[in-house]
Amino acid sequence: MVEAPSFADEKELFSEYKRTKDIKLREKIIEKYVYIAEIIAKKFTKNNRLYNNGMDYDDVYQVACLGLIYAAERYDPEKGVKFASYATPTIIGEVRRYFRDKGFFIKVPSRLYEIFRRAERIKRTEGDSS
């Protein structure tokens, strides 16, 4: 497993990227943290009945990597938060959005979809307690 850089190295790396917007530096950052996208993609595809509706790992991994790129673009090292802590919710959000958008044949408004998901969760927890 690849080790993430220390917080000081991470801060320096991202500060340099924020200042220069060098694509090569962004690629280096993505290579260092791609393991986060792999973990999240596996979490959402392997034995996960809630999200895995026949979606391939490769598709979910690609979306997770896109979320990683978005996180790298928006990360501010001056906030004092480690990049992995910042990137994880961003990547998960991108993957959930992908499942939300691809999970229905008819486009359902996000608000209705969230109500549906909440009802499914309640139904599952009540079924487990019986």
Protein backbone atom coordinates (compact mmCIF):
# COMPACT_ATOMS: atom_id res chain seq x y z
CA MET A 1 0.00 0.00 0.00
CA VAL A 2 1.20 3.49 -0.85
CA GLU A 3 1.85 5.75 2.12
CA ALA A 4 0.39 9.22 2.05
CA PRO A 5 2.90 12.05 2.48
CA SER A 6 3.25 13.77 5.86
CA PHE A 7 1.07 16.78 6.50
CA ALA A 8 4.00 19.19 6.00
CA ASP A 9 4.92 17.57 2.66
CA GLU A 10 1.26 17.50 1.68
CA LYS A 11 0.82 21.18 2.51
CA GLU A 12 3.91 22.11 0.51
CA LEU A 13 2.80 20.01 -2.47
CA PHE A 14 -0.70 21.49 -2.57
CA SER A 15 0.53 25.03 -1.94
CA GLU A 16 2.82 24.67 -4.95
CA TYR A 17 -0.02 23.32 -7.06
CA LYS A 18 -2.40 26.05 -5.96
CA ARG A 19 0.18 28.67 -6.89
CA THR A 20 1.25 27.23 -10.29
CA LYS A 21 -1.73 25.07 -11.42
CA ASP A 22 0.88 22.79 -13.05
CA ILE A 23 -0.83 19.74 -14.62
CA LYS A 24 2.23 17.53 -13.99
CA LEU A 25 2.07 18.38 -10.30
CA ARG A 26 -1.66 17.59 -10.23
CA GLU A 27 -0.94 14.21 -11.84
CA LYS A 28 1.67 13.54 -9.14
CA ILE A 29 -0.90 14.39 -6.45
CA ILE A 30 -3.51 12.12 -8.04
CA GLU A 31 -1.01 9.24 -8.25
CA LYS A 32 -0.22 9.60 -4.54
CA TYR A 33 -3.88 9.52 -3.50
CA VAL A 34 -5.52 7.23 -6.07
CA TYR A 35 -5.68 4.53 -3.41
CA ILE A 36 -8.53 6.48 -1.77
CA ALA A 37 -10.56 6.27 -4.99
CA GLU A 38 -9.85 2.52 -5.20
CA ILE A 39 -11.04 1.90 -1.64
CA ILE A 40 -14.23 3.90 -2.12
CA ALA A 41 -15.01 2.27 -5.49
CA LYS A 42 -14.63 -1.18 -3.92
CA LYS A 43 -16.83 -0.14 -1.00
CA PHE A 44 -19.63 0.86 -3.36
CA THR A 45 -19.47 -2.18 -5.64
CA LYS A 46 -18.47 -5.19 -3.58
CA ASN A 47 -21.35 -6.86 -1.73
CA ASN A 48 -23.24 -3.60 -1.38
CA ARG A 49 -26.91 -4.19 -2.13
CA LEU A 50 -27.82 -0.60 -1.36
CA TYR A 51 -25.71 0.92 -4.14
CA ASN A 52 -24.59 -1.85 -6.48
CA ASN A 53 -27.39 -2.09 -9.01
CA GLY A 54 -25.35 -3.92 -11.61
CA MET A 55 -22.80 -1.13 -11.99
CA ASP A 56 -19.32 -2.26 -12.96
CA TYR A 57 -16.37 -1.59 -10.67
CA ASP A 58 -14.53 0.12 -13.54
CA ASP A 59 -17.32 2.66 -13.99
CA VAL A 60 -17.50 3.43 -10.28
CA TYR A 61 -13.70 3.63 -10.08
CA GLN A 62 -13.65 6.12 -12.93
CA VAL A 63 -16.23 8.30 -11.15
CA ALA A 64 -14.25 8.02 -7.89
CA CYS A 65 -11.11 9.17 -9.71
CA LEU A 66 -13.03 12.12 -11.11
CA GLY A 67 -14.08 12.99 -7.55
CA LEU A 68 -10.41 12.79 -6.53
CA ILE A 69 -9.50 15.27 -9.26
CA TYR A 70 -12.28 17.62 -8.12
CA ALA A 71 -11.01 17.34 -4.53
CA ALA A 72 -7.43 18.10 -5.61
CA GLU A 73 -8.63 21.17 -7.51
CA ARG A 74 -10.64 22.56 -4.59
CA TYR A 75 -8.41 21.61 -1.65
CA ASP A 76 -6.99 24.46 0.39
CA PRO A 77 -3.95 23.39 2.47
CA GLU A 78 -4.23 26.52 4.62
CA LYS A 79 -7.44 25.21 6.26
CA GLY A 80 -5.39 22.75 8.35
CA VAL A 81 -7.22 19.61 7.22
CA LYS A 82 -5.43 16.61 5.74
CA PHE A 83 -6.17 16.01 2.08
CA ALA A 84 -7.44 12.45 2.64
CA SER A 85 -9.98 13.80 5.15
CA TYR A 86 -11.12 16.41 2.65
CA ALA A 87 -11.11 14.13 -0.41
CA THR A 88 -13.04 11.20 1.03
CA PRO A 89 -16.44 12.94 1.37
CA THR A 90 -15.93 14.63 -2.01
CA ILE A 91 -15.30 11.29 -3.72
CA ILE A 92 -18.18 9.58 -1.91
CA GLY A 93 -20.47 12.42 -2.98
CA GLU A 94 -19.47 12.01 -6.62
CA VAL A 95 -20.07 8.24 -6.48
CA ARG A 96 -23.46 8.68 -4.80
CA ARG A 97 -24.44 11.28 -7.37
CA TYR A 98 -23.46 8.82 -10.11
CA PHE A 99 -25.65 6.10 -8.58
CA ARG A 100 -28.49 8.56 -8.10
CA ASP A 101 -28.34 9.73 -11.71
CA LYS A 102 -27.86 6.26 -13.23
CA GLY A 103 -30.08 4.31 -10.83
CA PHE A 104 -33.41 5.31 -12.31
CA PHE A 105 -34.62 5.06 -15.89
CA ILE A 106 -36.71 8.17 -15.37
CA LYS A 107 -34.90 11.18 -13.96
CA VAL A 108 -36.23 11.68 -10.45
CA PRO A 109 -35.71 15.05 -8.73
CA SER A 110 -32.98 14.90 -6.09
CA ARG A 111 -35.37 15.82 -3.28
CA LEU A 112 -37.71 12.90 -4.08
CA TYR A 113 -34.76 10.57 -4.44
CA GLU A 114 -33.48 11.51 -0.97
CA ILE A 115 -36.95 10.85 0.51
CA PHE A 116 -36.99 7.45 -1.22
CA ARG A 117 -33.53 6.59 0.20
CA ARG A 118 -34.59 7.64 3.72
CA ALA A 119 -37.71 5.46 3.48
CA GLU A 120 -35.62 2.50 2.30
CA ARG A 121 -33.27 2.93 5.28
CA ILE A 122 -36.18 3.06 7.72
CA LYS A 123 -37.78 0.01 6.13
CA ARG A 124 -34.49 -1.91 6.43
CA THR A 125 -33.94 -0.99 10.08
CA GLU A 126 -37.51 -1.88 11.03
CA GLY A 127 -37.17 -5.19 9.20
CA ASP A 128 -33.97 -5.98 11.13
CA SER A 129 -35.56 -5.24 14.53
CA SER A 130 -38.53 -7.59 13.93
